[in-house]
N, C-alpha and C. Protein backbone atom coordinates (compact mmCIF):
# COMPACT_ATOMS: atom_id res chain seq x y z
N UNK A 1 253.37 258.32 1.06
CA UNK A 1 253.96 258.56 -0.24
C UNK A 1 253.54 257.44 -1.19
N UNK A 2 253.00 257.78 -2.33
CA UNK A 2 252.58 256.80 -3.31
C UNK A 2 253.74 256.50 -4.24
N UNK A 3 253.98 255.24 -4.46
CA UNK A 3 255.03 254.83 -5.36
C UNK A 3 254.54 254.84 -6.80
N UNK A 4 255.46 255.14 -7.74
CA UNK A 4 255.13 255.05 -9.15
C UNK A 4 254.79 253.61 -9.48
N UNK A 5 253.86 253.43 -10.43
CA UNK A 5 253.50 252.09 -10.88
C UNK A 5 254.13 251.82 -12.23
N UNK A 6 254.78 250.67 -12.34
CA UNK A 6 255.25 250.21 -13.64
C UNK A 6 254.10 249.52 -14.35
N UNK A 7 254.15 249.50 -15.67
CA UNK A 7 253.05 248.90 -16.43
C UNK A 7 253.61 248.26 -17.70
N UNK A 8 253.17 247.03 -17.97
CA UNK A 8 253.57 246.29 -19.17
C UNK A 8 252.37 245.59 -19.77
N UNK A 9 252.42 245.39 -21.08
CA UNK A 9 251.44 244.57 -21.76
C UNK A 9 252.16 243.33 -22.28
N UNK A 10 251.64 242.16 -21.92
CA UNK A 10 252.25 240.89 -22.33
C UNK A 10 251.19 239.99 -22.95
N UNK A 11 251.65 239.04 -23.76
CA UNK A 11 250.76 238.06 -24.38
C UNK A 11 251.00 236.70 -23.72
N UNK A 12 249.92 236.00 -23.40
CA UNK A 12 250.01 234.67 -22.80
C UNK A 12 250.42 233.69 -23.90
N UNK A 13 251.51 232.98 -23.68
CA UNK A 13 252.10 232.10 -24.69
C UNK A 13 251.69 230.65 -24.51
N UNK A 14 251.64 229.93 -25.62
CA UNK A 14 251.20 228.54 -25.65
C UNK A 14 251.98 227.67 -24.66
N UNK A 15 253.30 227.78 -24.68
CA UNK A 15 254.13 226.88 -23.85
C UNK A 15 253.97 227.15 -22.35
N UNK A 16 253.27 228.22 -21.99
CA UNK A 16 253.05 228.55 -20.58
C UNK A 16 251.65 228.12 -20.09
N UNK A 17 250.89 227.49 -20.96
CA UNK A 17 249.50 227.17 -20.64
C UNK A 17 249.31 225.69 -20.29
N UNK A 18 248.23 225.43 -19.56
CA UNK A 18 247.85 224.07 -19.20
C UNK A 18 246.94 223.51 -20.30
N UNK A 19 246.47 222.26 -20.18
CA UNK A 19 245.62 221.68 -21.23
C UNK A 19 244.29 222.41 -21.45
N UNK A 20 243.89 223.27 -20.52
CA UNK A 20 242.65 224.03 -20.66
C UNK A 20 242.88 225.39 -21.32
N UNK A 21 244.10 225.63 -21.80
CA UNK A 21 244.50 226.90 -22.41
C UNK A 21 244.48 228.06 -21.43
N UNK A 22 244.67 227.76 -20.14
CA UNK A 22 244.83 228.77 -19.09
C UNK A 22 246.31 228.88 -18.77
N UNK A 23 246.75 230.07 -18.42
CA UNK A 23 248.12 230.23 -17.95
C UNK A 23 248.32 229.30 -16.75
N UNK A 24 249.36 228.48 -16.80
CA UNK A 24 249.66 227.55 -15.71
C UNK A 24 249.96 228.32 -14.44
N UNK A 25 249.44 227.85 -13.31
CA UNK A 25 249.61 228.55 -12.03
C UNK A 25 251.07 228.87 -11.74
N UNK A 26 251.96 227.96 -12.02
CA UNK A 26 253.38 228.18 -11.75
C UNK A 26 254.01 229.26 -12.61
N UNK A 27 253.43 229.54 -13.74
CA UNK A 27 254.00 230.53 -14.68
C UNK A 27 253.60 231.97 -14.36
N UNK A 28 252.56 232.16 -13.57
CA UNK A 28 252.17 233.53 -13.21
C UNK A 28 253.34 234.29 -12.60
N UNK A 29 254.06 233.65 -11.70
CA UNK A 29 255.17 234.32 -11.03
C UNK A 29 256.24 234.71 -12.04
N UNK A 30 256.50 233.85 -13.04
CA UNK A 30 257.47 234.21 -14.08
C UNK A 30 257.02 235.47 -14.83
N UNK A 31 255.75 235.53 -15.19
CA UNK A 31 255.24 236.71 -15.89
C UNK A 31 255.36 237.95 -15.00
N UNK A 32 255.00 237.81 -13.72
CA UNK A 32 255.10 238.94 -12.80
C UNK A 32 256.55 239.40 -12.63
N UNK A 33 257.47 238.47 -12.41
CA UNK A 33 258.87 238.86 -12.14
C UNK A 33 259.52 239.47 -13.38
N UNK A 34 259.23 238.93 -14.55
CA UNK A 34 259.77 239.53 -15.78
C UNK A 34 259.24 240.94 -15.98
N UNK A 35 257.95 241.12 -15.70
CA UNK A 35 257.37 242.47 -15.82
C UNK A 35 258.01 243.41 -14.81
N UNK A 36 258.20 242.96 -13.57
CA UNK A 36 258.80 243.83 -12.54
C UNK A 36 260.19 244.25 -12.94
N UNK A 37 260.98 243.34 -13.50
CA UNK A 37 262.32 243.70 -13.97
C UNK A 37 262.23 244.83 -15.01
N UNK A 38 261.28 244.70 -15.95
CA UNK A 38 261.07 245.74 -16.95
C UNK A 38 260.63 247.05 -16.30
N UNK A 39 259.75 246.96 -15.31
CA UNK A 39 259.24 248.17 -14.64
C UNK A 39 260.37 248.91 -13.92
N UNK A 40 261.26 248.16 -13.28
CA UNK A 40 262.38 248.82 -12.59
C UNK A 40 263.24 249.59 -13.59
N UNK A 41 263.50 248.97 -14.74
CA UNK A 41 264.34 249.60 -15.76
C UNK A 41 263.63 250.80 -16.38
N UNK A 42 262.35 250.62 -16.76
CA UNK A 42 261.63 251.66 -17.50
C UNK A 42 261.11 252.79 -16.61
N UNK A 43 260.69 252.48 -15.40
CA UNK A 43 260.08 253.48 -14.52
C UNK A 43 261.13 254.20 -13.66
N UNK A 44 262.14 253.46 -13.23
CA UNK A 44 263.12 254.03 -12.30
C UNK A 44 264.52 254.12 -12.88
N UNK A 45 264.74 253.64 -14.11
CA UNK A 45 266.08 253.65 -14.70
C UNK A 45 267.03 252.76 -13.92
N UNK A 46 266.52 251.65 -13.39
CA UNK A 46 267.30 250.78 -12.51
C UNK A 46 267.40 249.39 -13.12
N UNK A 47 268.62 248.99 -13.46
CA UNK A 47 268.87 247.65 -13.99
C UNK A 47 269.34 246.79 -12.82
N UNK A 48 268.48 245.90 -12.37
CA UNK A 48 268.76 245.10 -11.18
C UNK A 48 270.00 244.23 -11.34
N UNK A 49 270.26 243.73 -12.56
CA UNK A 49 271.41 242.86 -12.79
C UNK A 49 272.71 243.65 -12.80
N UNK A 50 272.73 244.81 -13.43
CA UNK A 50 273.92 245.65 -13.39
C UNK A 50 274.22 246.09 -11.97
N UNK A 51 273.17 246.42 -11.22
CA UNK A 51 273.34 246.83 -9.83
C UNK A 51 273.98 245.69 -9.01
N UNK A 52 273.48 244.48 -9.21
CA UNK A 52 274.01 243.32 -8.47
C UNK A 52 275.47 243.06 -8.83
N UNK A 53 275.81 243.17 -10.10
CA UNK A 53 277.20 242.93 -10.54
C UNK A 53 278.13 244.01 -9.98
N UNK A 54 277.66 245.24 -9.95
CA UNK A 54 278.49 246.36 -9.49
C UNK A 54 278.66 246.37 -7.97
N UNK A 55 277.58 246.07 -7.23
CA UNK A 55 277.60 246.24 -5.77
C UNK A 55 277.64 244.94 -4.98
N UNK A 56 277.26 243.83 -5.62
CA UNK A 56 277.14 242.57 -4.89
C UNK A 56 275.88 242.53 -4.04
N UNK A 57 274.95 243.44 -4.31
CA UNK A 57 273.71 243.53 -3.54
C UNK A 57 272.50 243.34 -4.44
N UNK A 58 271.47 242.72 -3.88
CA UNK A 58 270.21 242.59 -4.59
C UNK A 58 269.13 242.27 -3.56
N UNK A 59 267.99 241.83 -4.02
CA UNK A 59 266.89 241.46 -3.14
C UNK A 59 266.63 239.98 -3.30
N UNK A 60 266.37 239.32 -2.19
CA UNK A 60 266.05 237.90 -2.19
C UNK A 60 264.60 237.76 -1.72
N UNK A 61 263.79 237.12 -2.55
CA UNK A 61 262.39 236.92 -2.20
C UNK A 61 262.31 235.84 -1.13
N UNK A 62 261.55 236.14 -0.07
CA UNK A 62 261.37 235.14 0.97
C UNK A 62 259.91 234.72 1.13
N UNK A 63 259.00 235.45 0.47
CA UNK A 63 257.59 235.03 0.53
C UNK A 63 256.82 235.62 -0.64
N UNK A 64 256.01 234.78 -1.27
CA UNK A 64 255.05 235.23 -2.28
C UNK A 64 253.66 234.82 -1.83
N UNK A 65 252.70 235.73 -1.99
CA UNK A 65 251.29 235.42 -1.79
C UNK A 65 250.61 235.75 -3.10
N UNK A 66 249.88 234.78 -3.65
CA UNK A 66 249.25 234.99 -4.95
C UNK A 66 247.80 234.52 -4.90
N UNK A 67 246.95 235.27 -5.56
CA UNK A 67 245.55 234.89 -5.71
C UNK A 67 245.26 234.82 -7.21
N UNK A 68 244.68 233.71 -7.62
CA UNK A 68 244.27 233.50 -9.00
C UNK A 68 242.78 233.83 -9.05
N UNK A 69 242.43 234.94 -9.65
CA UNK A 69 241.08 235.47 -9.57
C UNK A 69 240.24 235.21 -10.81
N UNK A 70 240.87 235.15 -11.97
CA UNK A 70 240.21 234.84 -13.24
C UNK A 70 241.28 234.29 -14.17
N UNK A 71 240.94 233.35 -15.03
CA UNK A 71 241.98 232.75 -15.87
C UNK A 71 242.56 233.74 -16.89
N UNK A 72 243.86 233.61 -17.08
CA UNK A 72 244.54 234.29 -18.19
C UNK A 72 244.63 233.24 -19.30
N UNK A 73 244.13 233.56 -20.47
CA UNK A 73 243.93 232.57 -21.52
C UNK A 73 245.00 232.65 -22.61
N UNK A 74 245.21 231.53 -23.26
CA UNK A 74 246.16 231.42 -24.36
C UNK A 74 245.98 232.56 -25.36
N UNK A 75 247.07 233.22 -25.67
CA UNK A 75 247.15 234.29 -26.68
C UNK A 75 246.47 235.59 -26.25
N UNK A 76 245.99 235.65 -25.02
CA UNK A 76 245.37 236.87 -24.50
C UNK A 76 246.45 237.90 -24.16
N UNK A 77 246.17 239.16 -24.43
CA UNK A 77 247.04 240.23 -23.96
C UNK A 77 246.58 240.64 -22.57
N UNK A 78 247.54 240.74 -21.66
CA UNK A 78 247.25 241.15 -20.29
C UNK A 78 248.13 242.34 -19.93
N UNK A 79 247.67 243.10 -18.97
CA UNK A 79 248.44 244.23 -18.43
C UNK A 79 248.93 243.83 -17.05
N UNK A 80 250.21 244.03 -16.82
CA UNK A 80 250.77 243.80 -15.49
C UNK A 80 251.27 245.12 -14.94
N UNK A 81 250.83 245.43 -13.73
CA UNK A 81 251.29 246.62 -13.02
C UNK A 81 251.99 246.18 -11.75
N UNK A 82 252.96 246.98 -11.31
CA UNK A 82 253.64 246.68 -10.04
C UNK A 82 254.01 247.97 -9.35
N UNK A 83 254.01 247.91 -8.03
CA UNK A 83 254.49 249.04 -7.24
C UNK A 83 254.84 248.57 -5.83
N UNK A 84 255.73 249.31 -5.23
CA UNK A 84 256.17 249.04 -3.87
C UNK A 84 255.09 249.49 -2.91
N UNK A 85 254.65 248.60 -2.01
CA UNK A 85 253.60 248.96 -1.07
C UNK A 85 254.10 249.04 0.37
N UNK A 86 255.24 248.42 0.64
CA UNK A 86 255.77 248.43 2.01
C UNK A 86 257.28 248.31 1.94
N UNK A 87 257.96 249.04 2.82
CA UNK A 87 259.41 248.91 2.90
C UNK A 87 259.88 249.26 4.29
N UNK A 88 261.03 248.71 4.60
CA UNK A 88 261.68 248.99 5.88
C UNK A 88 263.17 249.11 5.66
N UNK A 89 263.91 249.05 6.71
CA UNK A 89 265.36 249.20 6.63
C UNK A 89 265.99 248.17 5.70
N UNK A 90 265.51 246.92 5.75
CA UNK A 90 266.09 245.85 4.96
C UNK A 90 265.08 245.13 4.06
N UNK A 91 263.79 245.41 4.22
CA UNK A 91 262.78 244.63 3.50
C UNK A 91 261.96 245.49 2.54
N UNK A 92 261.27 244.81 1.64
CA UNK A 92 260.38 245.48 0.68
C UNK A 92 259.27 244.52 0.28
N UNK A 93 258.08 245.05 0.06
CA UNK A 93 256.95 244.27 -0.46
C UNK A 93 256.43 244.97 -1.71
N UNK A 94 256.34 244.20 -2.79
CA UNK A 94 255.84 244.72 -4.06
C UNK A 94 254.49 244.07 -4.34
N UNK A 95 253.52 244.90 -4.72
CA UNK A 95 252.23 244.37 -5.18
C UNK A 95 252.25 244.37 -6.70
N UNK A 96 251.86 243.23 -7.26
CA UNK A 96 251.77 243.10 -8.71
C UNK A 96 250.36 242.64 -9.06
N UNK A 97 249.83 243.24 -10.11
CA UNK A 97 248.46 242.96 -10.55
C UNK A 97 248.47 242.57 -12.02
N UNK A 98 247.73 241.53 -12.37
CA UNK A 98 247.54 241.14 -13.77
C UNK A 98 246.09 241.43 -14.13
N UNK A 99 245.90 242.26 -15.16
CA UNK A 99 244.58 242.70 -15.61
C UNK A 99 244.29 242.19 -17.01
N UNK A 100 243.01 242.18 -17.38
CA UNK A 100 242.65 241.96 -18.77
C UNK A 100 243.06 243.22 -19.56
N UNK A 101 243.03 243.12 -20.88
CA UNK A 101 243.52 244.23 -21.72
C UNK A 101 242.75 245.53 -21.50
N UNK A 102 241.46 245.44 -21.20
CA UNK A 102 240.66 246.65 -20.99
C UNK A 102 240.78 247.19 -19.56
N UNK A 103 241.51 246.47 -18.72
CA UNK A 103 241.74 246.82 -17.32
C UNK A 103 240.42 246.97 -16.54
N UNK A 104 239.50 246.05 -16.84
CA UNK A 104 238.23 246.04 -16.13
C UNK A 104 238.11 244.83 -15.20
N UNK A 105 238.94 243.81 -15.39
CA UNK A 105 238.89 242.62 -14.55
C UNK A 105 240.29 242.24 -14.11
N UNK A 106 240.46 242.10 -12.81
CA UNK A 106 241.73 241.67 -12.26
C UNK A 106 241.82 240.16 -12.33
N UNK A 107 242.89 239.66 -12.94
CA UNK A 107 243.07 238.22 -13.11
C UNK A 107 243.88 237.61 -11.97
N UNK A 108 244.85 238.33 -11.48
CA UNK A 108 245.70 237.78 -10.42
C UNK A 108 246.33 238.92 -9.63
N UNK A 109 246.58 238.64 -8.36
CA UNK A 109 247.23 239.59 -7.46
C UNK A 109 248.38 238.86 -6.76
N UNK A 110 249.54 239.50 -6.72
CA UNK A 110 250.71 238.92 -6.07
C UNK A 110 251.33 239.94 -5.14
N UNK A 111 251.64 239.50 -3.92
CA UNK A 111 252.51 240.26 -3.03
C UNK A 111 253.80 239.48 -2.92
N UNK A 112 254.91 240.13 -3.25
CA UNK A 112 256.22 239.51 -3.19
C UNK A 112 257.06 240.25 -2.15
N UNK A 113 257.46 239.52 -1.12
CA UNK A 113 258.24 240.11 -0.02
C UNK A 113 259.69 239.68 -0.17
N UNK A 114 260.59 240.66 -0.04
CA UNK A 114 262.01 240.37 -0.22
C UNK A 114 262.84 241.10 0.84
N UNK A 115 264.08 240.68 0.92
CA UNK A 115 265.04 241.30 1.82
C UNK A 115 266.24 241.76 0.98
N UNK A 116 266.76 242.93 1.32
CA UNK A 116 267.95 243.45 0.65
C UNK A 116 269.14 242.65 1.17
N UNK A 117 269.95 242.12 0.25
CA UNK A 117 270.93 241.10 0.61
C UNK A 117 272.27 241.38 -0.03
N UNK A 118 273.35 241.15 0.73
CA UNK A 118 274.71 241.26 0.21
C UNK A 118 275.24 239.86 -0.01
N UNK A 119 275.53 239.53 -1.26
CA UNK A 119 275.96 238.19 -1.63
C UNK A 119 277.33 237.86 -1.02
N UNK A 120 278.24 238.82 -0.98
CA UNK A 120 279.58 238.58 -0.43
C UNK A 120 279.53 238.33 1.08
N UNK A 121 278.72 239.13 1.78
CA UNK A 121 278.61 238.98 3.23
C UNK A 121 277.67 237.84 3.62
N UNK A 122 276.82 237.45 2.66
CA UNK A 122 275.84 236.37 2.86
C UNK A 122 274.86 236.65 3.99
N UNK A 123 274.38 237.89 4.02
CA UNK A 123 273.32 238.23 4.98
C UNK A 123 272.60 239.51 4.55
N UNK A 124 271.41 239.73 5.13
CA UNK A 124 270.65 240.94 4.80
C UNK A 124 271.40 242.21 5.21
N UNK A 125 271.17 243.25 4.44
CA UNK A 125 271.79 244.55 4.74
C UNK A 125 270.73 245.65 4.60
N UNK A 126 271.03 246.79 5.15
CA UNK A 126 270.13 247.95 5.07
C UNK A 126 270.11 248.52 3.65
N UNK A 127 268.97 249.08 3.31
CA UNK A 127 268.90 249.86 2.06
C UNK A 127 269.74 251.11 2.30
N UNK A 128 270.66 251.37 1.44
CA UNK A 128 271.48 252.57 1.58
C UNK A 128 270.77 253.80 1.06
N UNK A 129 271.41 254.94 1.24
CA UNK A 129 270.83 256.21 0.79
C UNK A 129 270.64 256.24 -0.72
N UNK A 130 271.53 255.60 -1.47
CA UNK A 130 271.40 255.59 -2.93
C UNK A 130 270.13 254.86 -3.37
N UNK A 131 269.82 253.75 -2.70
CA UNK A 131 268.60 252.99 -3.02
C UNK A 131 267.36 253.81 -2.64
N UNK A 132 267.40 254.42 -1.47
CA UNK A 132 266.26 255.25 -1.04
C UNK A 132 266.01 256.38 -2.03
N UNK A 133 267.07 256.99 -2.50
CA UNK A 133 266.95 258.08 -3.47
C UNK A 133 266.45 257.55 -4.82
N UNK A 134 267.02 256.44 -5.28
CA UNK A 134 266.65 255.85 -6.57
C UNK A 134 265.15 255.57 -6.66
N UNK A 135 264.60 255.07 -5.55
CA UNK A 135 263.19 254.68 -5.55
C UNK A 135 262.30 255.68 -4.82
N UNK A 136 262.86 256.84 -4.48
CA UNK A 136 262.09 257.92 -3.86
C UNK A 136 261.33 257.43 -2.62
N UNK A 137 262.06 256.72 -1.74
CA UNK A 137 261.41 256.14 -0.57
C UNK A 137 261.09 257.16 0.50
N UNK A 138 261.87 258.20 0.60
CA UNK A 138 261.56 259.24 1.57
C UNK A 138 261.68 258.76 2.99
N UNK A 139 260.56 258.39 3.59
CA UNK A 139 260.55 257.93 4.98
C UNK A 139 261.40 256.66 5.12
N UNK A 140 261.85 256.41 6.34
CA UNK A 140 262.65 255.21 6.58
C UNK A 140 261.81 253.94 6.46
N UNK A 141 260.55 254.02 6.83
CA UNK A 141 259.70 252.84 6.86
C UNK A 141 258.29 253.19 6.40
N UNK A 142 257.67 252.28 5.67
CA UNK A 142 256.25 252.40 5.34
C UNK A 142 255.64 251.03 5.61
N UNK A 143 254.64 251.00 6.45
CA UNK A 143 253.93 249.77 6.78
C UNK A 143 252.51 249.84 6.22
N UNK A 144 252.05 248.74 5.66
CA UNK A 144 250.66 248.67 5.23
C UNK A 144 249.83 248.20 6.42
N UNK A 145 248.60 248.61 6.47
CA UNK A 145 247.76 248.28 7.62
C UNK A 145 246.62 247.35 7.26
N UNK A 146 246.84 246.52 6.23
CA UNK A 146 245.84 245.54 5.83
C UNK A 146 246.56 244.28 5.36
N UNK A 147 245.84 243.16 5.41
CA UNK A 147 246.42 241.88 5.00
C UNK A 147 246.17 241.64 3.51
N UNK A 148 246.80 240.61 2.99
CA UNK A 148 246.60 240.20 1.61
C UNK A 148 245.12 239.89 1.36
N UNK A 149 244.51 239.12 2.25
CA UNK A 149 243.09 238.77 2.09
C UNK A 149 242.20 240.01 2.15
N UNK A 150 242.53 240.95 3.02
CA UNK A 150 241.76 242.20 3.09
C UNK A 150 241.92 243.01 1.80
N UNK A 151 243.10 242.92 1.18
CA UNK A 151 243.32 243.62 -0.09
C UNK A 151 242.41 243.05 -1.18
N UNK A 152 242.26 241.74 -1.20
CA UNK A 152 241.39 241.11 -2.20
C UNK A 152 239.94 241.55 -1.97
N UNK A 153 239.52 241.60 -0.72
CA UNK A 153 238.16 242.07 -0.40
C UNK A 153 237.98 243.51 -0.87
N UNK A 154 238.99 244.34 -0.65
CA UNK A 154 238.94 245.74 -1.09
C UNK A 154 238.77 245.81 -2.61
N UNK A 155 239.52 245.01 -3.34
CA UNK A 155 239.44 245.00 -4.80
C UNK A 155 238.06 244.52 -5.24
N UNK A 156 237.55 243.51 -4.56
CA UNK A 156 236.22 242.99 -4.90
C UNK A 156 235.17 244.07 -4.72
N UNK A 157 235.26 244.84 -3.62
CA UNK A 157 234.31 245.93 -3.37
C UNK A 157 234.40 247.00 -4.44
N UNK A 158 235.58 247.17 -5.02
CA UNK A 158 235.75 248.16 -6.09
C UNK A 158 235.20 247.67 -7.42
N UNK A 159 234.77 246.40 -7.46
CA UNK A 159 234.11 245.87 -8.65
C UNK A 159 235.03 245.30 -9.71
N UNK A 160 236.27 244.95 -9.34
CA UNK A 160 237.23 244.47 -10.33
C UNK A 160 237.36 242.96 -10.40
N UNK A 161 236.51 242.23 -9.67
CA UNK A 161 236.56 240.77 -9.71
C UNK A 161 235.32 240.22 -10.35
N UNK A 162 235.45 239.06 -11.01
CA UNK A 162 234.27 238.43 -11.59
C UNK A 162 233.27 238.06 -10.50
N UNK A 163 231.99 238.04 -10.82
CA UNK A 163 230.94 237.72 -9.84
C UNK A 163 231.01 236.27 -9.41
């Protein structure tokens, strides 16, 4: 089952850049996470903060893998896409991509792995039927059969990375 992709266009801001006018490495994750929040709201009608306040449940990130493939430059418009690539009873992995405005060059790739968590109980919990329905998960589990590094090689073969 293919997940819907969220898509946003953002501008790289001065205060987020290093002295070379490149987006600072630490700020990529901020851009990705803000875009993902927007994608959940716009693509799935899901407000993660309202959900957390109502249910006491959310997702806690336990691992990020990021590749910086081409610089994102000061004042440049970039496209960020995100989609769920793997999920299980309690876990989820989201792939996020940052592209140039023409969507011909991939600037960065992020895999963010999280666990569904109950703040009151202070431990991971299963995704309930409402979450599965909200995100059209269908099957109980989806596993990817390639690594992060293999994904980058795949993208390179597709011609989306600088030479």
